[in-house]
Amino acid sequence: MDHLKTLKKNGETFTLAMVDPPSYSSARDKGKTFDIAEDHPELLHRVLDVMEKDGTVFFPPTIRPLSP
């Protein structure tokens, strides 16, 4: 998600985003983990931060159920 922060900081915007994260991952060098069941709200908010007003986001859930 760090890349999305950089894009926002640089003023980058997009009209289309395909968001297909792994169900789980860990960054050994940073000691961070990503769990789609817990972290999808933050991920989607960050994606929306770099989207054009009428942009489209595709987010196929990789696990079910995901709560909003």
PDB file of N, CA and C in Angstrom:
ATOM      1  N   MET A   1       0.810  -1.194   0.000  1.00  0.00           N
ATOM      2  CA  MET A   1       0.000   0.000   0.000  1.00  0.00           C
ATOM      3  C   MET A   1       0.855   1.260   0.000  1.00  0.00           C
ATOM      4  N   ASP A   2       2.144   1.101   0.249  1.00  0.00           N
ATOM      5  CA  ASP A   2       3.031   2.260   0.233  1.00  0.00           C
ATOM      6  C   ASP A   2       3.053   2.935  -1.130  1.00  0.00           C
ATOM      7  N   HIS A   3       2.945   2.135  -2.179  1.00  0.00           N
ATOM      8  CA  HIS A   3       2.959   2.700  -3.532  1.00  0.00           C
ATOM      9  C   HIS A   3       1.763   3.633  -3.748  1.00  0.00           C
ATOM     10  N   LEU A   4       0.621   3.285  -3.195  1.00  0.00           N
ATOM     11  CA  LEU A   4      -0.563   4.137  -3.335  1.00  0.00           C
ATOM     12  C   LEU A   4      -0.370   5.471  -2.620  1.00  0.00           C
ATOM     13  N   LYS A   5       0.326   5.454  -1.489  1.00  0.00           N
ATOM     14  CA  LYS A   5       0.638   6.708  -0.793  1.00  0.00           C
ATOM     15  C   LYS A   5       1.502   7.611  -1.675  1.00  0.00           C
ATOM     16  N   THR A   6       2.485   7.019  -2.336  1.00  0.00           N
ATOM     17  CA  THR A   6       3.376   7.780  -3.211  1.00  0.00           C
ATOM     18  C   THR A   6       2.608   8.349  -4.402  1.00  0.00           C
ATOM     19  N   LEU A   7       1.735   7.563  -4.985  1.00  0.00           N
ATOM     20  CA  LEU A   7       0.938   8.043  -6.112  1.00  0.00           C
ATOM     21  C   LEU A   7       0.083   9.240  -5.705  1.00  0.00           C
ATOM     22  N   LYS A   8      -0.553   9.149  -4.540  1.00  0.00           N
ATOM     23  CA  LYS A   8      -1.377  10.255  -4.060  1.00  0.00           C
ATOM     24  C   LYS A   8      -0.528  11.499  -3.809  1.00  0.00           C
ATOM     25  N   LYS A   9       0.608  11.305  -3.170  1.00  0.00           N
ATOM     26  CA  LYS A   9       1.507  12.420  -2.874  1.00  0.00           C
ATOM     27  C   LYS A   9       1.960  13.127  -4.151  1.00  0.00           C
ATOM     28  N   ASN A  10       2.164  12.354  -5.218  1.00  0.00           N
ATOM     29  CA  ASN A  10       2.609  12.912  -6.498  1.00  0.00           C
ATOM     30  C   ASN A  10       1.466  13.445  -7.358  1.00  0.00           C
ATOM     31  N   GLY A  11       0.231  13.338  -6.868  1.00  0.00           N
ATOM     32  CA  GLY A  11      -0.915  13.852  -7.604  1.00  0.00           C
ATOM     33  C   GLY A  11      -1.361  12.992  -8.766  1.00  0.00           C
ATOM     34  N   GLU A  12      -0.935  11.737  -8.784  1.00  0.00           N
ATOM     35  CA  GLU A  12      -1.328  10.822  -9.862  1.00  0.00           C
ATOM     36  C   GLU A  12      -2.802  10.440  -9.688  1.00  0.00           C
ATOM     37  N   THR A  13      -3.531  10.349 -10.797  1.00  0.00           N
ATOM     38  CA  THR A  13      -4.913   9.887 -10.759  1.00  0.00           C
ATOM     39  C   THR A  13      -5.152   8.917 -11.908  1.00  0.00           C
ATOM     40  N   PHE A  14      -6.174   8.086 -11.752  1.00  0.00           N
ATOM     41  CA  PHE A  14      -6.464   7.035 -12.713  1.00  0.00           C
ATOM     42  C   PHE A  14      -7.959   6.957 -12.990  1.00  0.00           C
ATOM     43  N   THR A  15      -8.300   6.475 -14.167  1.00  0.00           N
ATOM     44  CA  THR A  15      -9.699   6.278 -14.524  1.00  0.00           C
ATOM     45  C   THR A  15     -10.122   4.827 -14.351  1.00  0.00           C
ATOM     46  N   LEU A  16      -9.152   3.929 -14.266  1.00  0.00           N
ATOM     47  CA  LEU A  16      -9.444   2.502 -14.138  1.00  0.00           C
ATOM     48  C   LEU A  16      -8.421   1.861 -13.216  1.00  0.00           C
ATOM     49  N   ALA A  17      -8.900   1.014 -12.299  1.00  0.00           N
ATOM     50  CA  ALA A  17      -8.001   0.263 -11.420  1.00  0.00           C
ATOM     51  C   ALA A  17      -8.513  -1.161 -11.288  1.00  0.00           C
ATOM     52  N   MET A  18      -7.614  -2.123 -11.458  1.00  0.00           N
ATOM     53  CA  MET A  18      -7.916  -3.534 -11.215  1.00  0.00           C
ATOM     54  C   MET A  18      -7.157  -3.915  -9.956  1.00  0.00           C
ATOM     55  N   VAL A  19      -7.888  -4.113  -8.888  1.00  0.00           N
ATOM     56  CA  VAL A  19      -7.285  -4.396  -7.580  1.00  0.00           C
ATOM     57  C   VAL A  19      -7.429  -5.892  -7.308  1.00  0.00           C
ATOM     58  N   ASP A  20      -6.311  -6.597  -7.328  1.00  0.00           N
ATOM     59  CA  ASP A  20      -6.328  -8.048  -7.135  1.00  0.00           C
ATOM     60  C   ASP A  20      -5.195  -8.444  -6.184  1.00  0.00           C
ATOM     61  N   PRO A  21      -5.342  -8.085  -4.907  1.00  0.00           N
ATOM     62  CA  PRO A  21      -4.277  -8.362  -3.945  1.00  0.00           C
ATOM     63  C   PRO A  21      -4.247  -9.837  -3.539  1.00  0.00           C
ATOM     64  N   PRO A  22      -3.131 -10.264  -2.965  1.00  0.00           N
ATOM     65  CA  PRO A  22      -3.085 -11.626  -2.424  1.00  0.00           C
ATOM     66  C   PRO A  22      -3.969 -11.715  -1.179  1.00  0.00           C
ATOM     67  N   SER A  23      -4.372 -12.908  -0.839  1.00  0.00           N
ATOM     68  CA  SER A  23      -5.173 -13.091   0.376  1.00  0.00           C
ATOM     69  C   SER A  23      -4.362 -12.760   1.618  1.00  0.00           C
ATOM     70  N   TYR A  24      -3.068 -13.050   1.548  1.00  0.00           N
ATOM     71  CA  TYR A  24      -2.178 -12.786   2.678  1.00  0.00           C
ATOM     72  C   TYR A  24      -0.770 -12.601   2.150  1.00  0.00           C
ATOM     73  N   SER A  25      -0.038 -11.676   2.736  1.00  0.00           N
ATOM     74  CA  SER A  25       1.380 -11.537   2.412  1.00  0.00           C
ATOM     75  C   SER A  25       2.098 -10.890   3.585  1.00  0.00           C
ATOM     76  N   SER A  26       3.402 -11.036   3.580  1.00  0.00           N
ATOM     77  CA  SER A  26       4.202 -10.390   4.613  1.00  0.00           C
ATOM     78  C   SER A  26       5.459  -9.825   3.973  1.00  0.00           C
ATOM     79  N   ALA A  27       5.864  -8.676   4.479  1.00  0.00           N
ATOM     80  CA  ALA A  27       7.094  -8.034   4.030  1.00  0.00           C
ATOM     81  C   ALA A  27       8.136  -8.265   5.107  1.00  0.00           C
ATOM     82  N   ARG A  28       9.009  -9.177   4.859  1.00  0.00           N
ATOM     83  CA  ARG A  28       9.991  -9.553   5.877  1.00  0.00           C
ATOM     84  C   ARG A  28      10.883  -8.387   6.275  1.00  0.00           C
ATOM     85  N   ASP A  29      11.247  -7.558   5.294  1.00  0.00           N
ATOM     86  CA  ASP A  29      12.162  -6.462   5.595  1.00  0.00           C
ATOM     87  C   ASP A  29      11.506  -5.355   6.399  1.00  0.00           C
ATOM     88  N   LYS A  30      10.177  -5.270   6.366  1.00  0.00           N
ATOM     89  CA  LYS A  30       9.485  -4.201   7.092  1.00  0.00           C
ATOM     90  C   LYS A  30       8.672  -4.726   8.268  1.00  0.00           C
ATOM     91  N   GLY A  31       8.590  -6.037   8.408  1.00  0.00           N
ATOM     92  CA  GLY A  31       7.832  -6.620   9.506  1.00  0.00           C
ATOM     93  C   GLY A  31       6.337  -6.376   9.401  1.00  0.00           C
ATOM     94  N   LYS A  32       5.842  -6.135   8.189  1.00  0.00           N
ATOM     95  CA  LYS A  32       4.419  -5.869   7.979  1.00  0.00           C
ATOM     96  C   LYS A  32       3.745  -7.090   7.381  1.00  0.00           C
ATOM     97  N   THR A  33       2.453  -7.225   7.671  1.00  0.00           N
ATOM     98  CA  THR A  33       1.648  -8.259   7.035  1.00  0.00           C
ATOM     99  C   THR A  33       0.434  -7.610   6.390  1.00  0.00           C
ATOM    100  N   PHE A  34      -0.139  -8.301   5.418  1.00  0.00           N
ATOM    101  CA  PHE A  34      -1.357  -7.859   4.767  1.00  0.00           C
ATOM    102  C   PHE A  34      -2.301  -9.046   4.754  1.00  0.00           C
ATOM    103  N   ASP A  35      -3.478  -8.852   5.302  1.00  0.00           N
ATOM    104  CA  ASP A  35      -4.516  -9.882   5.313  1.00  0.00           C
ATOM    105  C   ASP A  35      -5.750  -9.266   4.673  1.00  0.00           C
ATOM    106  N   ILE A  36      -6.151  -9.788   3.534  1.00  0.00           N
ATOM    107  CA  ILE A  36      -7.252  -9.184   2.778  1.00  0.00           C
ATOM    108  C   ILE A  36      -8.530  -9.087   3.609  1.00  0.00           C
ATOM    109  N   ALA A  37      -8.777 -10.065   4.470  1.00  0.00           N
ATOM    110  CA  ALA A  37      -9.996 -10.039   5.286  1.00  0.00           C
ATOM    111  C   ALA A  37     -10.020  -8.834   6.221  1.00  0.00           C
ATOM    112  N   GLU A  38      -8.845  -8.414   6.693  1.00  0.00           N
ATOM    113  CA  GLU A  38      -8.778  -7.288   7.616  1.00  0.00           C
ATOM    114  C   GLU A  38      -8.411  -5.974   6.934  1.00  0.00           C
ATOM    115  N   ASP A  39      -7.593  -6.036   5.912  1.00  0.00           N
ATOM    116  CA  ASP A  39      -6.995  -4.824   5.349  1.00  0.00           C
ATOM    117  C   ASP A  39      -7.665  -4.294   4.084  1.00  0.00           C
ATOM    118  N   HIS A  40      -8.690  -4.979   3.582  1.00  0.00           N
ATOM    119  CA  HIS A  40      -9.312  -4.507   2.335  1.00  0.00           C
ATOM    120  C   HIS A  40      -9.959  -3.129   2.450  1.00  0.00           C
ATOM    121  N   PRO A  41     -10.547  -2.729   3.585  1.00  0.00           N
ATOM    122  CA  PRO A  41     -11.116  -1.372   3.630  1.00  0.00           C
ATOM    123  C   PRO A  41     -10.051  -0.286   3.420  1.00  0.00           C
ATOM    124  N   GLU A  42      -8.918  -0.421   4.090  1.00  0.00           N
ATOM    125  CA  GLU A  42      -7.853   0.570   3.930  1.00  0.00           C
ATOM    126  C   GLU A  42      -7.317   0.568   2.500  1.00  0.00           C
ATOM    127  N   LEU A  43      -7.130  -0.618   1.936  1.00  0.00           N
ATOM    128  CA  LEU A  43      -6.647  -0.727   0.561  1.00  0.00           C
ATOM    129  C   LEU A  43      -7.586  -0.011  -0.402  1.00  0.00           C
ATOM    130  N   LEU A  44      -8.867  -0.279  -0.293  1.00  0.00           N
ATOM    131  CA  LEU A  44      -9.826   0.341  -1.210  1.00  0.00           C
ATOM    132  C   LEU A  44      -9.917   1.849  -1.014  1.00  0.00           C
ATOM    133  N   HIS A  45      -9.825   2.322   0.211  1.00  0.00           N
ATOM    134  CA  HIS A  45      -9.813   3.777   0.447  1.00  0.00           C
ATOM    135  C   HIS A  45      -8.611   4.424  -0.224  1.00  0.00           C
ATOM    136  N   ARG A  46      -7.473   3.767  -0.128  1.00  0.00           N
ATOM    137  CA  ARG A  46      -6.275   4.319  -0.767  1.00  0.00           C
ATOM    138  C   ARG A  46      -6.377   4.294  -2.285  1.00  0.00           C
ATOM    139  N   VAL A  47      -6.982   3.259  -2.817  1.00  0.00           N
ATOM    140  CA  VAL A  47      -7.204   3.207  -4.271  1.00  0.00           C
ATOM    141  C   VAL A  47      -8.137   4.342  -4.674  1.00  0.00           C
ATOM    142  N   LEU A  48      -9.213   4.532  -3.938  1.00  0.00           N
ATOM    143  CA  LEU A  48     -10.163   5.603  -4.264  1.00  0.00           C
ATOM    144  C   LEU A  48      -9.525   6.978  -4.177  1.00  0.00           C
ATOM    145  N   ASP A  49      -8.530   7.139  -3.317  1.00  0.00           N
ATOM    146  CA  ASP A  49      -7.828   8.422  -3.198  1.00  0.00           C
ATOM    147  C   ASP A  49      -7.100   8.820  -4.478  1.00  0.00           C
ATOM    148  N   VAL A  50      -6.759   7.849  -5.323  1.00  0.00           N
ATOM    149  CA  VAL A  50      -6.034   8.167  -6.557  1.00  0.00           C
ATOM    150  C   VAL A  50      -6.893   7.982  -7.811  1.00  0.00           C
ATOM    151  N   MET A  51      -8.199   7.811  -7.614  1.00  0.00           N
ATOM    152  CA  MET A  51      -9.101   7.630  -8.753  1.00  0.00           C
ATOM    153  C   MET A  51      -9.711   8.958  -9.192  1.00  0.00           C
ATOM    154  N   GLU A  52      -9.931   9.063 -10.511  1.00  0.00           N
ATOM    155  CA  GLU A  52     -10.685  10.185 -11.047  1.00  0.00           C
ATOM    156  C   GLU A  52     -12.119  10.087 -10.518  1.00  0.00           C
ATOM    157  N   LYS A  53     -12.841  11.191 -10.562  1.00  0.00           N
ATOM    158  CA  LYS A  53     -14.207  11.240 -10.018  1.00  0.00           C
ATOM    159  C   LYS A  53     -15.101  10.137 -10.583  1.00  0.00           C
ATOM    160  N   ASP A  54     -15.077   9.935 -11.885  1.00  0.00           N
ATOM    161  CA  ASP A  54     -15.934   8.920 -12.513  1.00  0.00           C
ATOM    162  C   ASP A  54     -15.170   7.651 -12.858  1.00  0.00           C
ATOM    163  N   GLY A  55     -14.087   7.376 -12.148  1.00  0.00           N
ATOM    164  CA  GLY A  55     -13.272   6.198 -12.422  1.00  0.00           C
ATOM    165  C   GLY A  55     -13.967   4.909 -12.021  1.00  0.00           C
ATOM    166  N   THR A  56     -13.413   3.811 -12.502  1.00  0.00           N
ATOM    167  CA  THR A  56     -13.957   2.485 -12.235  1.00  0.00           C
ATOM    168  C   THR A  56     -12.919   1.644 -11.511  1.00  0.00           C
ATOM    169  N   VAL A  57     -13.356   0.979 -10.449  1.00  0.00           N
ATOM    170  CA  VAL A  57     -12.482   0.088  -9.690  1.00  0.00           C
ATOM    171  C   VAL A  57     -13.068  -1.317  -9.761  1.00  0.00           C
ATOM    172  N   PHE A  58     -12.270  -2.266 -10.226  1.00  0.00           N
ATOM    173  CA  PHE A  58     -12.641  -3.675 -10.203  1.00  0.00           C
ATOM    174  C   PHE A  58     -11.924  -4.317  -9.026  1.00  0.00           C
ATOM    175  N   PHE A  59     -12.695  -4.957  -8.159  1.00  0.00           N
ATOM    176  CA  PHE A  59     -12.132  -5.600  -6.974  1.00  0.00           C
ATOM    177  C   PHE A  59     -12.769  -6.971  -6.810  1.00  0.00           C
ATOM    178  N   PRO A  60     -12.194  -7.991  -7.462  1.00  0.00           N
ATOM    179  CA  PRO A  60     -12.760  -9.335  -7.306  1.00  0.00           C
ATOM    180  C   PRO A  60     -12.329  -9.929  -5.961  1.00  0.00           C
ATOM    181  N   PRO A  61     -13.259 -10.178  -5.064  1.00  0.00           N
ATOM    182  CA  PRO A  61     -12.874 -10.720  -3.755  1.00  0.00           C
ATOM    183  C   PRO A  61     -12.265 -12.113  -3.909  1.00  0.00           C
ATOM    184  N   THR A  62     -11.155 -12.323  -3.221  1.00  0.00           N
ATOM    185  CA  THR A  62     -10.485 -13.616  -3.307  1.00  0.00           C
ATOM    186  C   THR A  62     -10.924 -14.575  -2.221  1.00  0.00           C
ATOM    187  N   ILE A  63     -11.599 -14.051  -1.206  1.00  0.00           N
ATOM    188  CA  ILE A  63     -12.172 -14.900  -0.163  1.00  0.00           C
ATOM    189  C   ILE A  63     -13.583 -14.428   0.115  1.00  0.00           C
ATOM    190  N   ARG A  64     -14.363 -15.263   0.695  1.00  0.00           N
ATOM    191  CA  ARG A  64     -15.723 -14.851   1.044  1.00  0.00           C
ATOM    192  C   ARG A  64     -15.984 -15.237   2.479  1.00  0.00           C
ATOM    193  N   PRO A  65     -16.776 -14.559   3.199  1.00  0.00           N
ATOM    194  CA  PRO A  65     -17.346 -13.245   2.874  1.00  0.00           C
ATOM    195  C   PRO A  65     -16.406 -12.119   3.329  1.00  0.00           C
ATOM    196  N   LEU A  66     -16.467 -11.017   2.615  1.00  0.00           N
ATOM    197  CA  LEU A  66     -15.793  -9.798   3.036  1.00  0.00           C
ATOM    198  C   LEU A  66     -16.860  -8.841   3.533  1.00  0.00           C
ATOM    199  N   SER A  67     -16.651  -8.276   4.687  1.00  0.00           N
ATOM    200  CA  SER A  67     -17.620  -7.310   5.191  1.00  0.00           C
ATOM    201  C   SER A  67     -17.195  -5.918   4.754  1.00  0.00           C
ATOM    202  N   PRO A  68     -18.164  -5.027   4.505  1.00  0.00           N
ATOM    203  CA  PRO A  68     -17.826  -3.672   4.017  1.00  0.00           C
ATOM    204  C   PRO A  68     -17.048  -2.861   5.015  1.00  0.00           C
TER     205      PRO A  68
END
